Amino acid sequence: MGNLGYGVGPLLGSLILPATTLPDLFVIIFLMSLPFLGLSFFLLDIKPEPFNFHLYWKDFSRFEVLVVAAITFLVSLHFGAERTTLTLFLKYNARVSEHQMGVIFFCVGITLATIIFSLGSLRNIHANLKMLFFIGLLLSGIFNIGMLFVDNFSKALTIRLLHVIGDSAYLLAQRIAISRLSPAHRVGGNIGIFDTTTTIGTFVGAFISGLLPGYVYPFVLTGVLSLVGAAVLIFIKLTLEPRDR
């Protein structure tokens, strides 16, 4: 659902903005979020588990978990590049309009949601997590580098959709890997640690992107790093199987 919101939000913004001002658009978005805020009061409370740092340290001392954490950080670098330079790249390099940007983000969000749902429904997906990670790194890297050849709307849409196939494979593989490598009562805490890793990687990627000239080189750099990660992953024996607790 989050991926659908990622796609629908920019498209709605691109449709509403021509008829209003940017401050008013944020007010409209806030008002649209109020019903969902109200629904949150009906969520059931979950009894918290006692926090034991030693147990989480034990979880993350596993080689497999460290590899997944490294992949998470590596992929998150390009998330930072996207947040810093994607819209600027689309505006100044690809010369797309605000509405066309909305269409691109909408198509990306729908594609993410569709592919993740489709892959997640496959019966033997758990047995192919290393392949999913490899495909994610490979496609993400290739089509981030492919941004070098984008100079119009159609090319931008095509490259972003091909790129997001890799993102979909990575996102699904990461969540399944965390659930398989974590005890049931510590899955939430470990997801939080991986989300923190994502945030740190995104920050580092954004910071590096701000240092690079132009708006395409952040994608090229993070794309090359993803390809290096994919090449290294080939030689790593990665068994993402749960241990007895």
C-alpha atoms as a PDB file:
ATOM      1  CA  MET A   1       0.000   0.000   0.000  1.00  0.00           C
ATOM      2  CA  GLY A   2       2.890   2.323   0.679  1.00  0.00           C
ATOM      3  CA  ASN A   3       4.121   1.865  -2.880  1.00  0.00           C
ATOM      4  CA  LEU A   4       0.652   2.775  -4.192  1.00  0.00           C
ATOM      5  CA  GLY A   5       0.738   5.945  -2.104  1.00  0.00           C
ATOM      6  CA  TYR A   6       4.216   6.699  -3.442  1.00  0.00           C
ATOM      7  CA  GLY A   7       2.752   6.601  -6.940  1.00  0.00           C
ATOM      8  CA  VAL A   8      -0.646   8.196  -6.404  1.00  0.00           C
ATOM      9  CA  GLY A   9       0.608  11.124  -4.282  1.00  0.00           C
ATOM     10  CA  PRO A  10       2.833  12.778  -6.917  1.00  0.00           C
ATOM     11  CA  LEU A  11       0.215  12.213  -9.623  1.00  0.00           C
ATOM     12  CA  LEU A  12      -2.499  13.900  -7.537  1.00  0.00           C
ATOM     13  CA  GLY A  13      -0.079  16.700  -6.703  1.00  0.00           C
ATOM     14  CA  SER A  14       0.706  17.287 -10.379  1.00  0.00           C
ATOM     15  CA  LEU A  15      -3.033  17.489 -11.139  1.00  0.00           C
ATOM     16  CA  ILE A  16      -3.941  19.764  -8.220  1.00  0.00           C
ATOM     17  CA  LEU A  17      -0.955  22.124  -8.264  1.00  0.00           C
ATOM     18  CA  PRO A  18      -1.871  24.003 -11.490  1.00  0.00           C
ATOM     19  CA  ALA A  19      -5.142  25.069  -9.851  1.00  0.00           C
ATOM     20  CA  THR A  20      -3.680  26.175  -6.517  1.00  0.00           C
ATOM     21  CA  THR A  21      -0.484  27.254  -4.760  1.00  0.00           C
ATOM     22  CA  LEU A  22       2.144  25.048  -3.183  1.00  0.00           C
ATOM     23  CA  PRO A  23       1.250  26.017   0.429  1.00  0.00           C
ATOM     24  CA  ASP A  24      -2.414  25.278  -0.300  1.00  0.00           C
ATOM     25  CA  LEU A  25      -1.427  21.924  -1.782  1.00  0.00           C
ATOM     26  CA  PHE A  26       0.198  20.912   1.510  1.00  0.00           C
ATOM     27  CA  VAL A  27      -2.966  21.935   3.362  1.00  0.00           C
ATOM     28  CA  ILE A  28      -5.051  19.793   0.991  1.00  0.00           C
ATOM     29  CA  ILE A  29      -2.717  16.829   1.529  1.00  0.00           C
ATOM     30  CA  PHE A  30      -2.990  17.280   5.301  1.00  0.00           C
ATOM     31  CA  LEU A  31      -6.781  17.312   5.147  1.00  0.00           C
ATOM     32  CA  MET A  32      -6.759  14.188   2.974  1.00  0.00           C
ATOM     33  CA  SER A  33      -4.651  12.390   5.593  1.00  0.00           C
ATOM     34  CA  LEU A  34      -7.031  13.105   8.496  1.00  0.00           C
ATOM     35  CA  PRO A  35      -9.388  10.146   7.843  1.00  0.00           C
ATOM     36  CA  PHE A  36      -6.432   7.753   7.918  1.00  0.00           C
ATOM     37  CA  LEU A  37      -5.179   9.377  11.119  1.00  0.00           C
ATOM     38  CA  GLY A  38      -8.595   8.754  12.645  1.00  0.00           C
ATOM     39  CA  LEU A  39      -8.523   5.095  11.618  1.00  0.00           C
ATOM     40  CA  SER A  40      -5.214   4.648  13.428  1.00  0.00           C
ATOM     41  CA  PHE A  41      -7.007   5.026  16.771  1.00  0.00           C
ATOM     42  CA  PHE A  42      -8.750   1.701  16.130  1.00  0.00           C
ATOM     43  CA  LEU A  43      -5.489  -0.256  15.859  1.00  0.00           C
ATOM     44  CA  LEU A  44      -4.947  -2.795  18.609  1.00  0.00           C
ATOM     45  CA  ASP A  45      -2.121  -2.205  21.057  1.00  0.00           C
ATOM     46  CA  ILE A  46       0.645  -4.789  21.081  1.00  0.00           C
ATOM     47  CA  LYS A  47       2.313  -5.773  24.318  1.00  0.00           C
ATOM     48  CA  PRO A  48       5.984  -4.756  24.026  1.00  0.00           C
ATOM     49  CA  GLU A  49       8.704  -7.329  24.520  1.00  0.00           C
ATOM     50  CA  PRO A  50      11.570  -6.608  26.931  1.00  0.00           C
ATOM     51  CA  PHE A  51      14.547  -5.182  25.070  1.00  0.00           C
ATOM     52  CA  ASN A  52      17.702  -7.260  25.394  1.00  0.00           C
ATOM     53  CA  PHE A  53      20.611  -5.727  23.519  1.00  0.00           C
ATOM     54  CA  HIS A  54      22.648  -8.929  23.827  1.00  0.00           C
ATOM     55  CA  LEU A  55      20.046 -10.920  21.895  1.00  0.00           C
ATOM     56  CA  TYR A  56      19.903  -8.366  19.075  1.00  0.00           C
ATOM     57  CA  TRP A  57      23.683  -8.348  18.957  1.00  0.00           C
ATOM     58  CA  LYS A  58      23.566 -12.119  18.663  1.00  0.00           C
ATOM     59  CA  ASP A  59      21.142 -11.834  15.742  1.00  0.00           C
ATOM     60  CA  PHE A  60      23.380  -9.372  13.908  1.00  0.00           C
ATOM     61  CA  SER A  61      26.581 -11.301  14.547  1.00  0.00           C
ATOM     62  CA  ARG A  62      25.484 -13.878  11.993  1.00  0.00           C
ATOM     63  CA  PHE A  63      27.338 -13.661   8.691  1.00  0.00           C
ATOM     64  CA  GLU A  64      24.111 -13.889   6.686  1.00  0.00           C
ATOM     65  CA  VAL A  65      22.567 -10.980   8.576  1.00  0.00           C
ATOM     66  CA  LEU A  66      25.678  -8.852   8.045  1.00  0.00           C
ATOM     67  CA  VAL A  67      25.540  -9.558   4.299  1.00  0.00           C
ATOM     68  CA  VAL A  68      21.881  -8.528   4.119  1.00  0.00           C
ATOM     69  CA  ALA A  69      22.704  -5.397   6.132  1.00  0.00           C
ATOM     70  CA  ALA A  70      25.530  -4.552   3.701  1.00  0.00           C
ATOM     71  CA  ILE A  71      23.185  -5.014   0.727  1.00  0.00           C
ATOM     72  CA  THR A  72      20.627  -2.814   2.483  1.00  0.00           C
ATOM     73  CA  PHE A  73      23.174  -0.024   2.945  1.00  0.00           C
ATOM     74  CA  LEU A  74      24.441  -0.359  -0.615  1.00  0.00           C
ATOM     75  CA  VAL A  75      20.980  -0.163  -2.178  1.00  0.00           C
ATOM     76  CA  SER A  76      20.004   2.712   0.128  1.00  0.00           C
ATOM     77  CA  LEU A  77      22.756   4.865  -1.366  1.00  0.00           C
ATOM     78  CA  HIS A  78      20.730   5.205  -4.556  1.00  0.00           C
ATOM     79  CA  PHE A  79      17.616   6.029  -2.522  1.00  0.00           C
ATOM     80  CA  GLY A  80      19.556   9.076  -1.325  1.00  0.00           C
ATOM     81  CA  ALA A  81      20.492   9.940  -4.907  1.00  0.00           C
ATOM     82  CA  GLU A  82      16.825   9.723  -5.909  1.00  0.00           C
ATOM     83  CA  ARG A  83      15.655  11.961  -3.082  1.00  0.00           C
ATOM     84  CA  THR A  84      18.302  14.564  -3.828  1.00  0.00           C
ATOM     85  CA  THR A  85      18.465  14.734  -7.596  1.00  0.00           C
ATOM     86  CA  LEU A  86      15.699  12.734  -9.308  1.00  0.00           C
ATOM     87  CA  THR A  87      13.162  15.536  -9.707  1.00  0.00           C
ATOM     88  CA  LEU A  88      15.931  17.971 -10.643  1.00  0.00           C
ATOM     89  CA  PHE A  89      17.225  15.488 -13.223  1.00  0.00           C
ATOM     90  CA  LEU A  90      13.750  15.019 -14.679  1.00  0.00           C
ATOM     91  CA  LYS A  91      13.200  18.772 -14.884  1.00  0.00           C
ATOM     92  CA  TYR A  92      16.538  19.942 -16.231  1.00  0.00           C
ATOM     93  CA  ASN A  93      18.079  16.917 -17.981  1.00  0.00           C
ATOM     94  CA  ALA A  94      15.011  15.083 -19.273  1.00  0.00           C
ATOM     95  CA  ARG A  95      12.979  18.319 -19.576  1.00  0.00           C
ATOM     96  CA  VAL A  96       9.699  16.762 -18.426  1.00  0.00           C
ATOM     97  CA  SER A  97       6.766  18.784 -17.107  1.00  0.00           C
ATOM     98  CA  GLU A  98       5.396  18.605 -13.549  1.00  0.00           C
ATOM     99  CA  HIS A  99       2.456  16.529 -14.764  1.00  0.00           C
ATOM    100  CA  GLN A 100       4.778  14.129 -16.588  1.00  0.00           C
ATOM    101  CA  MET A 101       6.793  13.770 -13.359  1.00  0.00           C
ATOM    102  CA  GLY A 102       3.570  12.793 -11.622  1.00  0.00           C
ATOM    103  CA  VAL A 103       2.894  10.192 -14.305  1.00  0.00           C
ATOM    104  CA  ILE A 104       6.394   8.737 -13.899  1.00  0.00           C
ATOM    105  CA  PHE A 105       6.077   8.454 -10.128  1.00  0.00           C
ATOM    106  CA  PHE A 106       2.592   6.968 -10.486  1.00  0.00           C
ATOM    107  CA  CYS A 107       3.794   4.304 -12.922  1.00  0.00           C
ATOM    108  CA  VAL A 108       6.772   3.540 -10.695  1.00  0.00           C
ATOM    109  CA  GLY A 109       4.556   3.107  -7.627  1.00  0.00           C
ATOM    110  CA  ILE A 110       2.078   0.867  -9.436  1.00  0.00           C
ATOM    111  CA  THR A 111       4.909  -1.212 -10.903  1.00  0.00           C
ATOM    112  CA  LEU A 112       6.557  -1.634  -7.497  1.00  0.00           C
ATOM    113  CA  ALA A 113       3.317  -2.768  -5.885  1.00  0.00           C
ATOM    114  CA  THR A 114       2.418  -5.126  -8.737  1.00  0.00           C
ATOM    115  CA  ILE A 115       5.805  -6.827  -8.997  1.00  0.00           C
ATOM    116  CA  ILE A 116       6.259  -7.225  -5.234  1.00  0.00           C
ATOM    117  CA  PHE A 117       2.769  -8.717  -4.900  1.00  0.00           C
ATOM    118  CA  SER A 118       3.325 -11.024  -7.869  1.00  0.00           C
ATOM    119  CA  LEU A 119       6.742 -12.245  -6.725  1.00  0.00           C
ATOM    120  CA  GLY A 120       5.528 -12.658  -3.157  1.00  0.00           C
ATOM    121  CA  SER A 121       2.790 -15.033  -4.296  1.00  0.00           C
ATOM    122  CA  LEU A 122       5.260 -17.457  -5.876  1.00  0.00           C
ATOM    123  CA  ARG A 123       5.448 -20.732  -3.968  1.00  0.00           C
ATOM    124  CA  ASN A 124       9.238 -21.206  -3.932  1.00  0.00           C
ATOM    125  CA  ILE A 125      10.284 -17.585  -3.565  1.00  0.00           C
ATOM    126  CA  HIS A 126      11.955 -18.270  -0.186  1.00  0.00           C
ATOM    127  CA  ALA A 127      14.433 -20.630  -1.817  1.00  0.00           C
ATOM    128  CA  ASN A 128      15.657 -17.977  -4.276  1.00  0.00           C
ATOM    129  CA  LEU A 129      16.436 -14.992  -2.066  1.00  0.00           C
ATOM    130  CA  LYS A 130      20.080 -14.767  -3.124  1.00  0.00           C
ATOM    131  CA  MET A 131      18.966 -14.676  -6.762  1.00  0.00           C
ATOM    132  CA  LEU A 132      16.430 -11.955  -5.914  1.00  0.00           C
ATOM    133  CA  PHE A 133      19.131  -9.874  -4.238  1.00  0.00           C
ATOM    134  CA  PHE A 134      21.414 -10.383  -7.248  1.00  0.00           C
ATOM    135  CA  ILE A 135      18.693  -9.398  -9.730  1.00  0.00           C
ATOM    136  CA  GLY A 136      17.849  -6.375  -7.596  1.00  0.00           C
ATOM    137  CA  LEU A 137      21.432  -5.122  -7.488  1.00  0.00           C
ATOM    138  CA  LEU A 138      22.027  -5.902 -11.171  1.00  0.00           C
ATOM    139  CA  LEU A 139      18.940  -4.211 -12.609  1.00  0.00           C
ATOM    140  CA  SER A 140      19.110  -1.297 -10.201  1.00  0.00           C
ATOM    141  CA  GLY A 141      22.726  -0.671 -11.164  1.00  0.00           C
ATOM    142  CA  ILE A 142      22.327  -1.079 -14.925  1.00  0.00           C
ATOM    143  CA  PHE A 143      19.370   1.241 -15.226  1.00  0.00           C
ATOM    144  CA  ASN A 144      20.743   3.843 -12.839  1.00  0.00           C
ATOM    145  CA  ILE A 145      23.731   4.057 -15.165  1.00  0.00           C
ATOM    146  CA  GLY A 146      21.205   4.120 -18.017  1.00  0.00           C
ATOM    147  CA  MET A 147      20.104   7.545 -16.813  1.00  0.00           C
ATOM    148  CA  LEU A 148      23.067   8.826 -18.852  1.00  0.00           C
ATOM    149  CA  PHE A 149      20.982   8.287 -21.986  1.00  0.00           C
ATOM    150  CA  VAL A 150      17.735   9.880 -20.764  1.00  0.00           C
ATOM    151  CA  ASP A 151      16.801  13.160 -22.435  1.00  0.00           C
ATOM    152  CA  ASN A 152      13.006  13.035 -22.760  1.00  0.00           C
ATOM    153  CA  PHE A 153       9.839  11.788 -21.058  1.00  0.00           C
ATOM    154  CA  SER A 154       9.555   8.416 -22.811  1.00  0.00           C
ATOM    155  CA  LYS A 155      13.152   7.458 -22.086  1.00  0.00           C
ATOM    156  CA  ALA A 156      12.816   8.612 -18.472  1.00  0.00           C
ATOM    157  CA  LEU A 157       9.673   6.530 -17.966  1.00  0.00           C
ATOM    158  CA  THR A 158      11.205   3.448 -19.605  1.00  0.00           C
ATOM    159  CA  ILE A 159      14.476   3.582 -17.658  1.00  0.00           C
ATOM    160  CA  ARG A 160      12.730   4.220 -14.325  1.00  0.00           C
ATOM    161  CA  LEU A 161      10.315   1.322 -14.854  1.00  0.00           C
ATOM    162  CA  LEU A 162      13.143  -1.053 -15.750  1.00  0.00           C
ATOM    163  CA  HIS A 163      15.126   0.190 -12.760  1.00  0.00           C
ATOM    164  CA  VAL A 164      12.222  -0.328 -10.382  1.00  0.00           C
ATOM    165  CA  ILE A 165      12.035  -4.017 -11.314  1.00  0.00           C
ATOM    166  CA  GLY A 166      15.352  -4.329  -9.513  1.00  0.00           C
ATOM    167  CA  ASP A 167      14.091  -2.310  -6.556  1.00  0.00           C
ATOM    168  CA  SER A 168      11.065  -4.597  -6.312  1.00  0.00           C
ATOM    169  CA  ALA A 169      13.227  -7.725  -6.207  1.00  0.00           C
ATOM    170  CA  TYR A 170      15.459  -6.194  -3.535  1.00  0.00           C
ATOM    171  CA  LEU A 171      12.617  -4.925  -1.324  1.00  0.00           C
ATOM    172  CA  LEU A 172      10.834  -8.273  -1.325  1.00  0.00           C
ATOM    173  CA  ALA A 173      14.041 -10.269  -0.746  1.00  0.00           C
ATOM    174  CA  GLN A 174      15.098  -8.003   2.118  1.00  0.00           C
ATOM    175  CA  ARG A 175      11.818  -8.306   4.025  1.00  0.00           C
ATOM    176  CA  ILE A 176      11.644 -12.081   3.573  1.00  0.00           C
ATOM    177  CA  ALA A 177      15.290 -12.441   4.618  1.00  0.00           C
ATOM    178  CA  ILE A 178      14.724 -10.426   7.805  1.00  0.00           C
ATOM    179  CA  SER A 179      11.697 -12.503   8.742  1.00  0.00           C
ATOM    180  CA  ARG A 180      13.574 -15.763   8.142  1.00  0.00           C
ATOM    181  CA  LEU A 181      16.744 -14.721   9.978  1.00  0.00           C
ATOM    182  CA  SER A 182      14.988 -13.249  13.022  1.00  0.00           C
ATOM    183  CA  PRO A 183      13.206 -14.944  15.922  1.00  0.00           C
ATOM    184  CA  ALA A 184       9.464 -14.314  15.740  1.00  0.00           C
ATOM    185  CA  HIS A 185       9.453 -12.132  18.863  1.00  0.00           C
ATOM    186  CA  ARG A 186      12.323  -9.961  17.579  1.00  0.00           C
ATOM    187  CA  VAL A 187      11.281  -9.488  13.941  1.00  0.00           C
ATOM    188  CA  GLY A 188       9.938  -5.997  14.650  1.00  0.00           C
ATOM    189  CA  GLY A 189      13.123  -4.876  16.398  1.00  0.00           C
ATOM    190  CA  ASN A 190      15.331  -6.258  13.657  1.00  0.00           C
ATOM    191  CA  ILE A 191      13.218  -4.594  10.975  1.00  0.00           C
ATOM    192  CA  GLY A 192      13.762  -1.356  12.902  1.00  0.00           C
ATOM    193  CA  ILE A 193      17.520  -1.870  12.814  1.00  0.00           C
ATOM    194  CA  PHE A 194      17.428  -2.539   9.080  1.00  0.00           C
ATOM    195  CA  ASP A 195      15.240   0.536   8.558  1.00  0.00           C
ATOM    196  CA  THR A 196      17.851   2.542  10.474  1.00  0.00           C
ATOM    197  CA  THR A 197      20.495   1.113   8.140  1.00  0.00           C
ATOM    198  CA  THR A 198      18.341   2.229   5.201  1.00  0.00           C
ATOM    199  CA  THR A 199      18.059   5.727   6.660  1.00  0.00           C
ATOM    200  CA  ILE A 200      21.825   5.985   7.180  1.00  0.00           C
ATOM    201  CA  GLY A 201      22.511   4.732   3.655  1.00  0.00           C
ATOM    202  CA  THR A 202      19.971   7.175   2.226  1.00  0.00           C
ATOM    203  CA  PHE A 203      21.603  10.041   4.134  1.00  0.00           C
ATOM    204  CA  VAL A 204      25.079   9.075   2.910  1.00  0.00           C
ATOM    205  CA  GLY A 205      23.806   8.741  -0.666  1.00  0.00           C
ATOM    206  CA  ALA A 206      22.097  12.122  -0.493  1.00  0.00           C
ATOM    207  CA  PHE A 207      25.193  13.756   0.967  1.00  0.00           C
ATOM    208  CA  ILE A 208      27.466  12.309  -1.715  1.00  0.00           C
ATOM    209  CA  SER A 209      24.961  13.299  -4.413  1.00  0.00           C
ATOM    210  CA  GLY A 210      25.138  16.894  -3.231  1.00  0.00           C
ATOM    211  CA  LEU A 211      28.903  16.867  -3.713  1.00  0.00           C
ATOM    212  CA  LEU A 212      28.818  15.556  -7.278  1.00  0.00           C
ATOM    213  CA  PRO A 213      28.405  17.909 -10.248  1.00  0.00           C
ATOM    214  CA  GLY A 214      25.187  17.798 -12.240  1.00  0.00           C
ATOM    215  CA  TYR A 215      22.166  15.601 -11.668  1.00  0.00           C
ATOM    216  CA  VAL A 216      23.068  12.374 -13.470  1.00  0.00           C
ATOM    217  CA  TYR A 217      26.379  11.398 -11.849  1.00  0.00           C
ATOM    218  CA  PRO A 218      24.798  10.447  -8.493  1.00  0.00           C
ATOM    219  CA  PHE A 219      22.847   7.778 -10.387  1.00  0.00           C
ATOM    220  CA  VAL A 220      25.929   6.631 -12.278  1.00  0.00           C
ATOM    221  CA  LEU A 221      28.015   6.324  -9.105  1.00  0.00           C
ATOM    222  CA  THR A 222      25.377   4.434  -7.126  1.00  0.00           C
ATOM    223  CA  GLY A 223      24.685   2.289 -10.182  1.00  0.00           C
ATOM    224  CA  VAL A 224      28.331   1.266 -10.441  1.00  0.00           C
ATOM    225  CA  LEU A 225      28.394   0.449  -6.715  1.00  0.00           C
ATOM    226  CA  SER A 226      25.302  -1.736  -7.134  1.00  0.00           C
ATOM    227  CA  LEU A 227      26.981  -3.659  -9.964  1.00  0.00           C
ATOM    228  CA  VAL A 228      30.075  -4.158  -7.815  1.00  0.00           C
ATOM    229  CA  GLY A 229      27.826  -5.471  -5.049  1.00  0.00           C
ATOM    230  CA  ALA A 230      26.129  -7.868  -7.465  1.00  0.00           C
ATOM    231  CA  ALA A 231      29.522  -9.170  -8.645  1.00  0.00           C
ATOM    232  CA  VAL A 232      30.708  -9.721  -5.063  1.00  0.00           C
ATOM    233  CA  LEU A 233      27.454 -11.471  -4.149  1.00  0.00           C
ATOM    234  CA  ILE A 234      28.135 -14.157  -6.777  1.00  0.00           C
ATOM    235  CA  PHE A 235      31.088 -15.423  -4.728  1.00  0.00           C
ATOM    236  CA  ILE A 236      29.339 -15.311  -1.343  1.00  0.00           C
ATOM    237  CA  LYS A 237      27.657 -18.414  -0.019  1.00  0.00           C
ATOM    238  CA  LEU A 238      24.437 -17.030   1.404  1.00  0.00           C
ATOM    239  CA  THR A 239      22.128 -19.418   3.238  1.00  0.00           C
ATOM    240  CA  LEU A 240      19.114 -17.463   4.398  1.00  0.00           C
ATOM    241  CA  GLU A 241      17.667 -20.177   6.579  1.00  0.00           C
ATOM    242  CA  PRO A 242      16.288 -19.754  10.100  1.00  0.00           C
ATOM    243  CA  ARG A 243      18.201 -21.210  13.008  1.00  0.00           C
ATOM    244  CA  ASP A 244      16.721 -23.064  15.921  1.00  0.00           C
ATOM    245  CA  ARG A 245      15.880 -20.583  18.647  1.00  0.00           C
END
